[in-house]
Amino acid sequence: MNMRAHEAGALHAEGYGGPPQWLPHPTDVNALLPQLWPGGARRDEAGHLVVGGVAATRIAEEFGTPAYVVDETDFRRRARAFRDDFGAPFRALGTDLDVYYAGKAFLCTAVARWVADEGLCLDVCSGGELAVAKRAGFPAARVGMHGNNKSSAEIEDALEYGVGRIVVDSFDEIDRVAAIARRLGVRAPVMVRVTVGVEAHTHEYIATAHEDQKFGFSLAGGQASKAVAEILAASDALDLLGLHSHIGSQIFDTAGFEVAAGRLFDLHAQVAADGHVMPEMDLGGGFGIAYTSQNTPMSAGDLGTGLAAIAERTCAAAGVAVPRLSIEPGRAIAGSAGYTLYEVGTVKDVELGGGARRAYVSVDGGMSDNARTALYGADYSCTMAARASDAPPMLSRVVGKHCESGDIVVMDEFLPADVRPGDLIAVPGTGAYCRALSSQYNHVPRPPVVAVRDGEARLIVRRETIEDILALDVD
């Protein structure tokens, strides 16, 4: 997918002048597509969007806008689906499956506790994310530490906490982890991140297994084999658990995993033949979600069935037993469990030429709370959240308040032609990589995160204030 947001402005964006082919003209502009929303999302008799038993109007009244809203019940349900439905076919093979929630998707103390409650493990990739895990009391043995440039302080913190794995990403890091482990008098459990040469069918910026990128040890170039050898040579300080791979994000089939797993298990078998049987292997994550009607993600159970069959075939071909496996879903758990609520400030009716028109609907957030449209050209959907409308659909673009022409939240959507200032707009699929990627651009404070469950709403991350921003200034 090519980036459509352009730094020179929307007039330069791909697709300017009309809706994309995948966006159908709606028969009911008030309808909610179930695949985009947390389970049970609905409209009440007044036309209000209701998620987790809490109306969007109540969120706006109690917490203000913009606000991130996450359905705790839905989040937990998706976590359990990976634990149980995804894991079942692996257990049928006689092996265990560990599910590491990828904290980079969205992490706070409450979410870490939800993940722990549901029996999942937690993947962190910075000292800050590890600090959240520690604050939440997350069991250290179920924490994995990632990152391509971990500092010595971060490695020491992880080892002192007793994390269950550190995924090493470079020869420098192998030396660094070994030296710190020796100084602390511990043996560090490590996995080798392998670049398997498989590029997922996704945006080039988030496809991470091809050779020309910053992550991992190249398989084709022999770096991965050399990394394994160096770790085994430092066995007094390092305990080699296994291999790790991640082939990209927003993946909607298992074809890429077939090739990646085959290559991983070939290396796994080579190491075993040399006398070291690695007990684990991590196949990564990247499982996609539906952001718009064009996306058709697989269920956790279907993904598990597909990947278990791949593991069985590739292990048999390599002549090795299926090791303990792990996966790292983040977006697939958090993404569709959340939405963002905005208030409309201005509406502009723009002539596109040839009789075509578009409404530019400006909301009180933007690229500071959702960078993905500008960063990746990501597509989103949206709906009116405080009322239903009998007005005809009008092609609309939801834009933010920032001083950038590329500040677009929803590139293309049909909204009612009577959308007006004061209306509430809800954007689904924002539970992952929105709060996590948020910024203070134009000194706009970050929104709060509100958890909803069984008709109750509570803050789990408070709204940032101007005072918070100014407090960082050294006068």
Protein backbone atom coordinates (compact mmCIF):
# COMPACT_ATOMS: atom_id res chain seq x y z
CA MET A 1 0.00 0.00 0.00
CA ASN A 2 1.35 3.39 -0.97
CA MET A 3 1.17 6.33 1.38
CA ARG A 4 -1.68 8.62 0.39
CA ALA A 5 -1.21 11.46 2.88
CA HIS A 6 1.28 13.91 1.39
CA GLU A 7 3.34 16.58 3.11
CA ALA A 8 2.37 19.06 0.39
CA GLY A 9 -1.29 18.61 1.22
CA ALA A 10 -4.35 16.54 0.40
CA LEU A 11 -4.47 17.77 -3.23
CA HIS A 12 -1.35 15.68 -3.84
CA ALA A 13 -2.74 12.55 -2.22
CA GLU A 14 -3.51 9.43 -4.19
CA GLY A 15 -7.23 9.00 -4.75
CA TYR A 16 -8.07 12.68 -4.52
CA GLY A 17 -11.39 13.55 -6.11
CA GLY A 18 -13.64 10.67 -5.17
CA PRO A 19 -14.12 7.65 -2.93
CA PRO A 20 -11.78 4.66 -3.27
CA GLN A 21 -13.16 1.63 -5.05
CA TRP A 22 -13.42 -0.38 -1.83
CA LEU A 23 -15.72 2.16 -0.12
CA PRO A 24 -19.35 1.32 -0.96
CA HIS A 25 -22.10 3.91 -1.03
CA PRO A 26 -24.06 3.04 2.13
CA THR A 27 -27.71 2.11 2.13
CA ASP A 28 -27.84 3.07 5.82
CA VAL A 29 -25.35 5.72 6.89
CA ASN A 30 -26.10 4.92 10.56
CA ALA A 31 -25.23 1.21 10.34
CA LEU A 32 -22.33 -0.18 12.38
CA LEU A 33 -20.17 -2.82 10.70
CA PRO A 34 -19.73 -5.46 13.44
CA GLN A 35 -16.19 -6.42 12.40
CA LEU A 36 -14.95 -2.89 13.11
CA TRP A 37 -16.32 -2.53 16.64
CA PRO A 38 -16.05 -4.21 20.04
CA GLY A 39 -18.55 -7.02 20.47
CA GLY A 40 -22.01 -5.78 21.41
CA ALA A 41 -21.53 -2.26 20.03
CA ARG A 42 -24.93 -0.83 19.10
CA ARG A 43 -27.07 2.26 18.81
CA ASP A 44 -29.67 2.94 21.46
CA GLU A 45 -33.15 4.31 20.85
CA ALA A 46 -31.79 7.86 20.66
CA GLY A 47 -29.20 6.87 18.04
CA HIS A 48 -26.30 7.09 20.47
CA LEU A 49 -23.33 4.78 19.95
CA VAL A 50 -23.10 2.38 22.93
CA VAL A 51 -19.97 0.32 23.66
CA GLY A 52 -19.48 -1.72 26.82
CA GLY A 53 -22.91 -0.57 27.92
CA VAL A 54 -21.79 3.08 27.97
CA ALA A 55 -23.12 5.67 25.51
CA ALA A 56 -20.64 7.87 23.68
CA THR A 57 -22.57 10.92 24.88
CA ARG A 58 -21.83 9.93 28.46
CA ILE A 59 -18.13 9.56 27.67
CA ALA A 60 -18.11 13.07 26.22
CA GLU A 61 -19.97 14.52 29.20
CA GLU A 62 -17.85 12.85 31.89
CA PHE A 63 -14.41 12.76 30.30
CA GLY A 64 -14.49 15.26 27.43
CA THR A 65 -13.20 14.84 23.90
CA PRO A 66 -11.10 13.65 22.28
CA ALA A 67 -10.98 10.43 24.27
CA TYR A 68 -9.80 6.90 23.66
CA VAL A 69 -12.36 4.33 24.77
CA VAL A 70 -11.47 0.66 25.33
CA ASP A 71 -13.97 -2.10 26.02
CA GLU A 72 -12.35 -4.15 28.79
CA THR A 73 -14.65 -7.13 28.26
CA ASP A 74 -13.87 -7.20 24.53
CA PHE A 75 -10.12 -6.85 25.15
CA ARG A 76 -10.19 -9.76 27.60
CA ARG A 77 -12.33 -11.85 25.23
CA ARG A 78 -9.82 -11.40 22.41
CA ALA A 79 -6.95 -12.25 24.76
CA ARG A 80 -8.70 -15.46 25.80
CA ALA A 81 -9.40 -16.35 22.17
CA PHE A 82 -5.67 -16.38 21.46
CA ARG A 83 -4.94 -18.27 24.66
CA ASP A 84 -7.65 -20.90 24.13
CA ASP A 85 -8.81 -21.01 20.48
CA PHE A 86 -5.43 -20.28 18.90
CA GLY A 87 -3.65 -22.54 21.37
CA ALA A 88 -5.95 -25.58 21.06
CA PRO A 89 -4.49 -27.02 17.82
CA PHE A 90 -0.96 -26.66 19.23
CA ARG A 91 -1.93 -28.54 22.35
CA ALA A 92 -3.38 -31.21 20.08
CA LEU A 93 0.12 -31.58 18.61
CA GLY A 94 1.45 -32.23 22.09
CA THR A 95 3.21 -28.91 22.54
CA ASP A 96 2.55 -25.77 24.53
CA LEU A 97 1.82 -22.33 23.13
CA ASP A 98 2.66 -19.08 24.94
CA VAL A 99 0.82 -15.92 23.93
CA TYR A 100 2.89 -12.76 24.49
CA TYR A 101 0.74 -9.64 24.30
CA ALA A 102 2.78 -7.08 22.35
CA GLY A 103 2.76 -4.14 24.73
CA LYS A 104 3.86 -1.72 22.01
CA ALA A 105 0.28 -1.83 20.65
CA PHE A 106 -1.06 -0.21 23.81
CA LEU A 107 0.17 -0.58 27.35
CA CYS A 108 -0.74 0.94 30.67
CA THR A 109 -0.88 -0.46 34.20
CA ALA A 110 -4.52 -1.55 33.90
CA VAL A 111 -3.95 -3.29 30.56
CA ALA A 112 -0.90 -5.12 31.92
CA ARG A 113 -3.06 -6.43 34.76
CA TRP A 114 -5.78 -7.54 32.31
CA VAL A 115 -3.14 -9.43 30.33
CA ALA A 116 -1.80 -11.08 33.49
CA ASP A 117 -5.30 -11.97 34.67
CA GLU A 118 -6.03 -13.77 31.40
CA GLY A 119 -2.89 -15.89 31.70
CA LEU A 120 -0.96 -14.30 28.84
CA CYS A 121 2.69 -13.31 28.77
CA LEU A 122 3.87 -9.76 28.01
CA ASP A 123 6.30 -8.54 25.38
CA VAL A 124 8.02 -5.23 26.15
CA CYS A 125 10.58 -3.39 24.04
CA SER A 126 11.84 -0.53 26.22
CA GLY A 127 12.70 0.32 29.79
CA GLY A 128 9.49 2.33 29.98
CA GLU A 129 7.31 -0.61 28.97
CA LEU A 130 9.19 -2.81 31.44
CA ALA A 131 8.49 -0.21 34.14
CA VAL A 132 4.76 -0.55 33.44
CA ALA A 133 5.04 -4.33 33.80
CA LYS A 134 6.86 -3.93 37.10
CA ARG A 135 4.34 -1.39 38.38
CA ALA A 136 1.51 -3.78 37.50
CA GLY A 137 3.26 -6.62 39.33
CA PHE A 138 3.41 -8.67 36.14
CA PRO A 139 5.14 -12.02 36.78
CA ALA A 140 8.73 -11.55 35.61
CA ALA A 141 9.05 -15.05 34.18
CA ARG A 142 6.22 -14.24 31.75
CA VAL A 143 7.87 -11.06 30.44
CA GLY A 144 9.90 -10.98 27.23
CA MET A 145 12.27 -8.09 26.43
CA HIS A 146 12.59 -6.93 22.83
CA GLY A 147 14.30 -4.04 21.03
CA ASN A 148 17.06 -3.56 18.48
CA ASN A 149 19.15 -1.23 20.64
CA LYS A 150 18.61 -2.03 24.30
CA SER A 151 20.73 0.09 26.59
CA SER A 152 22.92 -1.43 29.28
CA ALA A 153 20.58 0.04 31.88
CA GLU A 154 17.56 -1.59 30.24
CA ILE A 155 19.30 -4.98 30.03
CA GLU A 156 20.40 -4.77 33.66
CA ASP A 157 16.90 -3.79 34.74
CA ALA A 158 15.42 -6.73 32.82
CA LEU A 159 17.88 -9.23 34.28
CA GLU A 160 17.45 -7.94 37.81
CA TYR A 161 13.68 -8.25 37.43
CA GLY A 162 14.15 -11.81 36.17
CA VAL A 163 12.47 -11.64 32.77
CA GLY A 164 11.83 -14.95 31.07
CA ARG A 165 13.57 -14.02 27.81
CA ILE A 166 15.63 -11.36 26.13
CA VAL A 167 15.43 -11.36 22.33
CA VAL A 168 18.91 -10.42 21.16
CA ASP A 169 19.18 -8.41 17.96
CA SER A 170 22.89 -7.79 17.27
CA PHE A 171 26.37 -9.10 17.99
CA ASP A 172 27.03 -6.01 20.11
CA GLU A 173 24.01 -6.91 22.19
CA ILE A 174 25.11 -10.51 22.66
CA ASP A 175 28.36 -9.21 24.16
CA ARG A 176 26.50 -6.62 26.22
CA VAL A 177 23.99 -9.07 27.69
CA ALA A 178 26.71 -11.61 28.48
CA ALA A 179 28.87 -9.02 30.24
CA ILE A 180 25.99 -7.73 32.36
CA ALA A 181 24.83 -11.26 33.21
CA ARG A 182 28.33 -12.17 34.40
CA ARG A 183 28.53 -9.03 36.50
CA LEU A 184 25.15 -9.79 38.10
CA GLY A 185 25.99 -13.45 38.56
CA VAL A 186 23.02 -14.70 36.53
CA ARG A 187 22.50 -16.68 33.32
CA ALA A 188 20.45 -14.66 30.86
CA PRO A 189 17.73 -16.52 28.90
CA VAL A 190 17.97 -15.35 25.29
CA MET A 191 16.37 -15.89 21.90
CA VAL A 192 17.89 -14.97 18.54
CA ARG A 193 15.85 -12.70 16.31
CA VAL A 194 16.23 -14.11 12.81
CA THR A 195 15.61 -12.15 9.62
CA VAL A 196 14.18 -14.92 7.46
CA GLY A 197 13.90 -13.04 4.16
CA VAL A 198 10.11 -13.15 4.01
CA GLU A 199 8.29 -9.88 3.31
CA ALA A 200 4.67 -9.81 4.42
CA HIS A 201 2.15 -8.33 1.99
CA THR A 202 1.86 -5.06 3.83
CA HIS A 203 3.17 -1.49 3.91
CA GLU A 204 6.93 -1.37 3.37
CA TYR A 205 7.47 0.49 6.64
CA ILE A 206 5.92 -2.29 8.72
CA ALA A 207 7.20 -5.33 6.83
CA THR A 208 10.09 -6.42 9.02
CA ALA A 209 11.49 -9.74 7.78
CA HIS A 210 13.14 -8.69 4.49
CA GLU A 211 16.90 -8.34 4.52
CA ASP A 212 17.35 -4.57 4.16
CA GLN A 213 16.13 -3.43 7.58
CA LYS A 214 17.29 -2.82 11.10
CA PHE A 215 15.95 -5.88 12.89
CA GLY A 216 17.57 -9.23 13.53
CA PHE A 217 20.30 -11.49 12.20
CA SER A 218 20.21 -12.37 8.51
CA LEU A 219 19.55 -16.02 7.78
CA ALA A 220 20.74 -15.86 4.19
CA GLY A 221 23.98 -14.13 5.11
CA GLY A 222 24.88 -16.64 7.82
CA GLN A 223 24.61 -14.09 10.61
CA ALA A 224 21.93 -16.06 12.46
CA SER A 225 24.09 -19.20 12.58
CA LYS A 226 27.03 -17.14 13.81
CA ALA A 227 24.87 -15.53 16.51
CA VAL A 228 23.78 -18.97 17.73
CA ALA A 229 27.43 -20.07 17.87
CA GLU A 230 28.48 -16.98 19.84
CA ILE A 231 25.68 -17.48 22.37
CA LEU A 232 26.56 -21.15 22.84
CA ALA A 233 30.20 -20.16 23.34
CA ALA A 234 29.08 -17.86 26.16
CA SER A 235 26.94 -20.51 27.85
CA ASP A 236 28.28 -19.57 31.27
CA ALA A 237 26.31 -16.30 30.96
CA LEU A 238 23.72 -16.99 28.25
CA ASP A 239 21.03 -19.66 28.01
CA LEU A 240 19.91 -20.12 24.39
CA LEU A 241 16.14 -20.75 24.40
CA GLY A 242 15.47 -20.65 20.68
CA LEU A 243 14.82 -18.61 17.55
CA HIS A 244 12.47 -15.70 16.97
CA SER A 245 10.94 -14.28 13.79
CA HIS A 246 8.52 -11.50 12.94
CA ILE A 247 7.46 -11.06 9.31
CA GLY A 248 5.35 -7.90 9.41
CA SER A 249 2.02 -6.41 10.46
CA GLN A 250 -1.59 -6.36 9.29
CA ILE A 251 -1.27 -9.88 7.84
CA PHE A 252 -4.51 -11.56 6.74
CA ASP A 253 -3.31 -15.05 5.79
CA THR A 254 -0.74 -17.63 6.89
CA ALA A 255 1.23 -17.97 3.63
CA GLY A 256 4.16 -15.87 4.83
CA PHE A 257 4.39 -17.88 8.04
CA GLU A 258 4.73 -21.10 6.01
CA VAL A 259 7.94 -19.90 4.37
CA ALA A 260 9.30 -18.24 7.52
CA ALA A 261 8.66 -21.28 9.73
CA GLY A 262 10.29 -23.59 7.22
CA ARG A 263 13.46 -21.54 7.26
CA LEU A 264 13.45 -21.21 11.04
CA PHE A 265 13.02 -24.93 11.56
CA ASP A 266 15.84 -25.69 9.13
CA LEU A 267 18.17 -23.63 11.33
CA HIS A 268 16.61 -25.17 14.45
CA ALA A 269 17.43 -28.63 13.05
CA GLN A 270 21.00 -27.63 12.15
CA VAL A 271 21.63 -26.44 15.71
CA ALA A 272 20.13 -29.66 17.09
CA ALA A 273 22.37 -31.72 14.83
CA ASP A 274 25.35 -29.87 16.31
CA GLY A 275 24.31 -30.98 19.78
CA HIS A 276 22.04 -28.25 21.18
CA VAL A 277 18.27 -28.76 21.16
CA MET A 278 16.58 -25.39 21.60
CA PRO A 279 13.35 -25.80 23.59
CA GLU A 280 11.41 -22.84 22.18
CA MET A 281 10.54 -20.93 19.01
CA ASP A 282 8.65 -17.67 18.52
CA LEU A 283 6.74 -17.12 15.26
CA GLY A 284 5.96 -13.46 16.03
CA GLY A 285 2.67 -11.67 15.47
CA GLY A 286 1.34 -9.15 12.98
CA PHE A 287 -2.17 -10.62 12.72
CA GLY A 288 -4.45 -8.09 11.03
CA ILE A 289 -7.72 -6.49 12.11
CA ALA A 290 -10.54 -4.81 10.21
CA TYR A 291 -10.20 -1.05 9.94
CA THR A 292 -12.71 -0.72 7.09
CA SER A 293 -15.05 -2.91 5.06
CA GLN A 294 -12.14 -3.95 2.81
CA ASN A 295 -10.43 -5.93 5.61
CA THR A 296 -11.37 -9.56 6.39
CA PRO A 297 -9.23 -10.83 9.26
CA MET A 298 -9.10 -14.48 10.28
CA SER A 299 -10.38 -15.58 13.66
CA ALA A 300 -7.89 -16.57 16.35
CA GLY A 301 -9.02 -20.19 16.05
CA ASP A 302 -8.54 -20.28 12.28
CA LEU A 303 -5.12 -18.63 12.59
CA GLY A 304 -4.10 -21.19 15.21
CA THR A 305 -5.27 -24.09 13.07
CA GLY A 306 -3.31 -22.75 10.11
CA LEU A 307 -0.11 -22.09 12.04
CA ALA A 308 -0.27 -25.40 13.91
CA ALA A 309 -0.50 -27.24 10.59
CA ILE A 310 2.48 -25.23 9.31
CA ALA A 311 4.49 -26.07 12.44
CA GLU A 312 3.67 -29.76 12.10
CA ARG A 313 4.61 -29.87 8.39
CA THR A 314 7.79 -27.85 8.67
CA CYS A 315 9.02 -29.73 11.74
CA ALA A 316 8.42 -33.04 10.01
CA ALA A 317 10.30 -31.81 6.93
CA ALA A 318 13.19 -30.65 9.12
CA GLY A 319 13.19 -33.88 11.11
CA VAL A 320 12.69 -32.26 14.51
CA ALA A 321 10.04 -32.41 17.21
CA VAL A 322 7.72 -29.42 17.53
CA PRO A 323 9.21 -27.20 20.26
CA ARG A 324 7.30 -25.00 22.67
CA LEU A 325 5.95 -22.20 20.47
CA SER A 326 4.98 -18.62 21.13
CA ILE A 327 3.24 -15.81 19.27
CA GLU A 328 2.98 -12.06 19.86
CA PRO A 329 -0.44 -10.58 19.04
CA GLY A 330 -0.89 -6.94 20.00
CA ARG A 331 -3.15 -5.15 17.54
CA ALA A 332 -5.28 -8.32 17.16
CA ILE A 333 -6.19 -8.05 20.86
CA ALA A 334 -6.25 -4.30 21.48
CA GLY A 335 -7.11 -2.78 18.09
CA SER A 336 -10.79 -3.50 17.63
CA ALA A 337 -11.44 -3.30 21.39
CA GLY A 338 -11.06 0.49 21.23
CA TYR A 339 -12.42 3.55 19.50
CA THR A 340 -11.69 7.29 19.61
CA LEU A 341 -14.37 9.86 20.27
CA TYR A 342 -14.11 13.37 18.82
CA GLU A 343 -16.27 16.48 18.66
CA VAL A 344 -16.80 18.25 15.35
CA GLY A 345 -15.64 21.88 15.27
CA THR A 346 -16.09 22.97 11.65
CA VAL A 347 -17.51 21.56 8.43
CA LYS A 348 -16.48 22.77 4.97
CA ASP A 349 -18.26 21.77 1.77
CA VAL A 350 -15.56 21.61 -0.93
CA GLU A 351 -16.16 21.48 -4.69
CA LEU A 352 -14.01 18.76 -6.28
CA GLY A 353 -14.93 19.45 -9.88
CA GLY A 354 -17.24 17.62 -12.25
CA GLY A 355 -20.11 18.05 -9.82
CA ALA A 356 -18.39 16.05 -7.07
CA ARG A 357 -18.24 17.45 -3.55
CA ARG A 358 -16.61 16.51 -0.28
CA ALA A 359 -17.24 17.60 3.30
CA TYR A 360 -14.13 18.39 5.31
CA VAL A 361 -15.11 17.60 8.88
CA SER A 362 -12.64 19.03 11.40
CA VAL A 363 -12.48 17.42 14.84
CA ASP A 364 -10.78 18.37 18.09
CA GLY A 365 -7.93 15.85 17.77
CA GLY A 366 -5.93 14.63 14.81
CA MET A 367 -2.48 13.37 13.99
CA SER A 368 -1.26 13.86 17.56
CA ASP A 369 -3.67 11.18 18.80
CA ASN A 370 -3.68 9.05 15.63
CA ALA A 371 -0.51 9.28 13.56
CA ARG A 372 -1.20 6.19 11.46
CA THR A 373 -3.03 7.90 8.61
CA ALA A 374 -0.19 10.37 8.09
CA LEU A 375 2.53 7.82 8.87
CA TYR A 376 1.29 4.79 6.90
CA GLY A 377 -1.56 6.09 4.78
CA ALA A 378 -3.80 3.95 6.99
CA ASP A 379 -7.53 3.79 6.26
CA TYR A 380 -10.15 4.19 8.97
CA SER A 381 -13.92 4.26 9.18
CA CYS A 382 -16.09 6.49 11.36
CA THR A 383 -19.68 7.13 12.36
CA MET A 384 -21.86 9.72 14.02
CA ALA A 385 -21.87 8.86 17.71
CA ALA A 386 -24.51 11.09 19.34
CA ARG A 387 -27.43 10.80 16.94
CA ALA A 388 -28.80 8.96 13.96
CA SER A 389 -29.51 10.92 10.80
CA ASP A 390 -32.01 10.73 7.94
CA ALA A 391 -29.81 12.91 5.72
CA PRO A 392 -28.29 11.35 2.59
CA PRO A 393 -24.68 10.14 2.70
CA MET A 394 -22.00 12.63 1.70
CA LEU A 395 -18.41 11.81 0.89
CA SER A 396 -16.40 13.19 3.80
CA ARG A 397 -12.86 13.51 5.06
CA VAL A 398 -12.33 13.76 8.81
CA VAL A 399 -9.36 15.98 9.56
CA GLY A 400 -7.63 17.19 12.68
CA LYS A 401 -6.83 20.56 14.21
CA HIS A 402 -3.08 20.53 13.59
CA CYS A 403 -1.16 22.89 11.36
CA GLU A 404 -0.51 20.26 8.68
CA SER A 405 -2.37 19.54 5.44
CA GLY A 406 -1.60 15.86 6.03
CA ASP A 407 -3.43 15.94 9.36
CA ILE A 408 -6.10 13.46 8.29
CA VAL A 409 -7.89 11.06 10.62
CA VAL A 410 -10.25 9.35 8.17
CA MET A 411 -9.33 9.77 4.51
CA ASP A 412 -12.63 8.67 2.97
CA GLU A 413 -16.00 7.96 4.57
CA PHE A 414 -19.67 8.61 3.92
CA LEU A 415 -21.19 10.67 6.72
CA PRO A 416 -24.68 12.21 6.81
CA ALA A 417 -24.89 15.41 4.79
CA ASP A 418 -26.21 17.24 7.87
CA VAL A 419 -23.06 16.70 9.99
CA ARG A 420 -22.47 19.91 11.92
CA PRO A 421 -20.36 21.50 14.67
CA GLY A 422 -21.00 19.91 18.04
CA ASP A 423 -21.66 16.44 16.62
CA LEU A 424 -19.68 13.53 18.02
CA ILE A 425 -17.67 11.34 15.64
CA ALA A 426 -16.39 7.89 16.65
CA VAL A 427 -13.48 6.18 14.86
CA PRO A 428 -13.24 2.40 15.51
CA GLY A 429 -10.12 0.27 15.46
CA THR A 430 -7.99 2.73 17.42
CA GLY A 431 -7.19 0.54 20.42
CA ALA A 432 -3.72 -0.21 19.06
CA TYR A 433 -0.94 2.12 17.91
CA CYS A 434 -2.88 5.33 18.52
CA ARG A 435 -2.25 6.19 22.17
CA ALA A 436 1.08 4.36 21.80
CA LEU A 437 2.18 6.58 18.88
CA SER A 438 0.60 9.79 20.18
CA SER A 439 2.52 13.05 20.49
CA GLN A 440 2.22 16.60 21.79
CA TYR A 441 2.43 18.13 18.32
CA ASN A 442 1.37 21.80 18.38
CA HIS A 443 1.42 21.42 22.19
CA VAL A 444 -1.90 19.58 22.10
CA PRO A 445 -2.26 17.41 25.24
CA ARG A 446 -2.85 13.68 24.79
CA PRO A 447 -6.40 12.38 25.35
CA PRO A 448 -7.39 10.15 28.26
CA VAL A 449 -8.05 6.43 27.99
CA VAL A 450 -11.44 5.40 29.36
CA ALA A 451 -12.23 1.76 30.07
CA VAL A 452 -15.86 0.69 29.75
CA ARG A 453 -17.39 -2.51 31.09
CA ASP A 454 -20.94 -3.58 31.97
CA GLY A 455 -22.28 -0.05 31.85
CA GLU A 456 -19.47 1.44 33.94
CA ALA A 457 -16.73 3.81 32.75
CA ARG A 458 -13.46 4.65 34.47
CA LEU A 459 -10.20 6.39 33.65
CA ILE A 460 -7.19 4.14 33.18
CA VAL A 461 -4.97 6.90 31.73
CA ARG A 462 -5.84 10.49 32.63
CA ARG A 463 -5.96 13.34 30.15
CA GLU A 464 -2.69 15.19 29.73
CA THR A 465 -2.88 18.90 30.52
CA ILE A 466 -1.13 22.03 29.35
CA GLU A 467 0.44 22.13 32.81
CA ASP A 468 1.93 18.67 32.19
CA ILE A 469 3.50 19.93 28.97
CA LEU A 470 4.84 23.15 30.48
CA ALA A 471 6.24 21.26 33.46
CA LEU A 472 8.88 19.77 31.18
CA ASP A 473 10.25 23.20 30.23
CA VAL A 474 13.37 24.33 32.06
CA ASP A 475 13.11 28.11 32.39
